[in-house]
Structure formats: structure tokens, C-alpha cells
Amino acid sequence: RVLLRVRVSADGLAEAVDIQHGSGFPRLDDAARETVANWRFTPARRGAQAIASTVIVPITFRHGH
């Protein structure tokens, strides 16, 4: 499991993706970071105005059988 700290712009883009808590496997951490960097988010709002914010995104890897 990886916890990522994502800075989301007012446009809903991931401006920065940092590892808050890694899985212990750098390749998995990098894959999670690259995946989330391409996501679109619903931006936070203050009243009617979209604003930048920071969210924590958990990514859980499951081993296939």
C-alpha cells in the first residue's frame, strides 16, 4: 500500500505527487506516482470558486493469482 500526497490545481490536475508513505518497493511507488499524476480530480471549492488543495490518495496493490 502506498499513500500519495497530491497537490490538485483549481483545474483538477495533479500539480505534484509525493510519496507520503511508501510500499517498501521503489518500482511500485514510482508506478503509483506516475498513475496518479495522470488522473483528473474534482477540485476543491470555496463557495462557488474552485481552489487548489492537497489530498491523500491510498493505492493498494494486490498480488494476482
C-alpha atoms as a PDB file:
ATOM      1  CA  ARG A   1       0.000   0.000   0.000  1.00  0.00           C
ATOM      2  CA  VAL A   2       1.259   3.456  -0.935  1.00  0.00           C
ATOM      3  CA  LEU A   3      -0.041   6.782   0.369  1.00  0.00           C
ATOM      4  CA  LEU A   4       0.422   9.652  -2.055  1.00  0.00           C
ATOM      5  CA  ARG A   5       0.102  13.350  -1.249  1.00  0.00           C
ATOM      6  CA  VAL A   6      -1.353  15.056  -4.318  1.00  0.00           C
ATOM      7  CA  ARG A   7      -1.451  18.799  -4.911  1.00  0.00           C
ATOM      8  CA  VAL A   8      -4.589  19.326  -7.019  1.00  0.00           C
ATOM      9  CA  SER A   9      -4.882  22.526  -9.053  1.00  0.00           C
ATOM     10  CA  ALA A  10      -8.067  24.540  -9.385  1.00  0.00           C
ATOM     11  CA  ASP A  11      -8.347  22.916 -12.844  1.00  0.00           C
ATOM     12  CA  GLY A  12      -8.371  19.413 -11.323  1.00  0.00           C
ATOM     13  CA  LEU A  13      -4.860  18.472 -12.466  1.00  0.00           C
ATOM     14  CA  ALA A  14      -2.243  16.803 -10.277  1.00  0.00           C
ATOM     15  CA  GLU A  15       0.402  19.530  -9.961  1.00  0.00           C
ATOM     16  CA  ALA A  16       2.647  17.497  -7.662  1.00  0.00           C
ATOM     17  CA  VAL A  17       2.564  13.899  -6.440  1.00  0.00           C
ATOM     18  CA  ASP A  18       4.750  12.972  -3.469  1.00  0.00           C
ATOM     19  CA  ILE A  19       5.030   9.706  -1.585  1.00  0.00           C
ATOM     20  CA  GLN A  20       3.661  10.157   1.927  1.00  0.00           C
ATOM     21  CA  HIS A  21       4.222   6.508   2.891  1.00  0.00           C
ATOM     22  CA  GLY A  22       5.942   4.079   0.547  1.00  0.00           C
ATOM     23  CA  SER A  23       5.310   0.392  -0.025  1.00  0.00           C
ATOM     24  CA  GLY A  24       8.952  -0.536   0.504  1.00  0.00           C
ATOM     25  CA  PHE A  25       9.251  -1.293  -3.214  1.00  0.00           C
ATOM     26  CA  PRO A  26      10.510   1.722  -5.206  1.00  0.00           C
ATOM     27  CA  ARG A  27       9.173   0.383  -8.534  1.00  0.00           C
ATOM     28  CA  LEU A  28       5.650   0.076  -7.111  1.00  0.00           C
ATOM     29  CA  ASP A  29       5.907   3.531  -5.540  1.00  0.00           C
ATOM     30  CA  ASP A  30       7.002   5.034  -8.871  1.00  0.00           C
ATOM     31  CA  ALA A  31       4.223   3.236 -10.761  1.00  0.00           C
ATOM     32  CA  ALA A  32       1.630   4.556  -8.296  1.00  0.00           C
ATOM     33  CA  ARG A  33       3.010   8.096  -8.569  1.00  0.00           C
ATOM     34  CA  GLU A  34       3.005   8.003 -12.388  1.00  0.00           C
ATOM     35  CA  THR A  35      -0.553   6.645 -12.485  1.00  0.00           C
ATOM     36  CA  VAL A  36      -1.973   9.281 -10.143  1.00  0.00           C
ATOM     37  CA  ALA A  37      -0.076  12.083 -11.916  1.00  0.00           C
ATOM     38  CA  ASN A  38      -2.313  11.444 -14.959  1.00  0.00           C
ATOM     39  CA  TRP A  39      -5.613  11.403 -13.066  1.00  0.00           C
ATOM     40  CA  ARG A  40      -8.168  14.193 -13.268  1.00  0.00           C
ATOM     41  CA  PHE A  41      -9.584  15.327  -9.936  1.00  0.00           C
ATOM     42  CA  THR A  42     -12.637  17.296  -8.922  1.00  0.00           C
ATOM     43  CA  PRO A  43     -11.103  20.459  -7.484  1.00  0.00           C
ATOM     44  CA  ALA A  44     -11.946  21.646  -4.000  1.00  0.00           C
ATOM     45  CA  ARG A  45     -14.312  24.587  -3.789  1.00  0.00           C
ATOM     46  CA  ARG A  46     -14.551  27.636  -1.608  1.00  0.00           C
ATOM     47  CA  GLY A  47     -18.099  28.779  -2.203  1.00  0.00           C
ATOM     48  CA  ALA A  48     -18.547  28.771  -5.982  1.00  0.00           C
ATOM     49  CA  GLN A  49     -14.815  29.124  -6.704  1.00  0.00           C
ATOM     50  CA  ALA A  50     -12.571  26.141  -7.497  1.00  0.00           C
ATOM     51  CA  ILE A  51      -9.359  26.245  -5.468  1.00  0.00           C
ATOM     52  CA  ALA A  52      -6.120  24.279  -5.281  1.00  0.00           C
ATOM     53  CA  SER A  53      -5.876  21.770  -2.449  1.00  0.00           C
ATOM     54  CA  THR A  54      -3.856  18.804  -1.218  1.00  0.00           C
ATOM     55  CA  VAL A  55      -5.377  15.329  -0.880  1.00  0.00           C
ATOM     56  CA  ILE A  56      -4.021  11.977   0.301  1.00  0.00           C
ATOM     57  CA  VAL A  57      -4.633   9.108  -2.134  1.00  0.00           C
ATOM     58  CA  PRO A  58      -4.143   5.496  -0.972  1.00  0.00           C
ATOM     59  CA  ILE A  59      -3.092   2.974  -3.630  1.00  0.00           C
ATOM     60  CA  THR A  60      -3.332  -0.709  -2.724  1.00  0.00           C
ATOM     61  CA  PHE A  61      -1.504  -3.254  -4.835  1.00  0.00           C
ATOM     62  CA  ARG A  62      -2.945  -6.750  -4.981  1.00  0.00           C
ATOM     63  CA  HIS A  63      -0.897  -9.765  -5.967  1.00  0.00           C
ATOM     64  CA  GLY A  64      -2.557 -11.703  -8.787  1.00  0.00           C
ATOM     65  CA  HIS A  65      -3.034 -15.468  -8.574  1.00  0.00           C
END
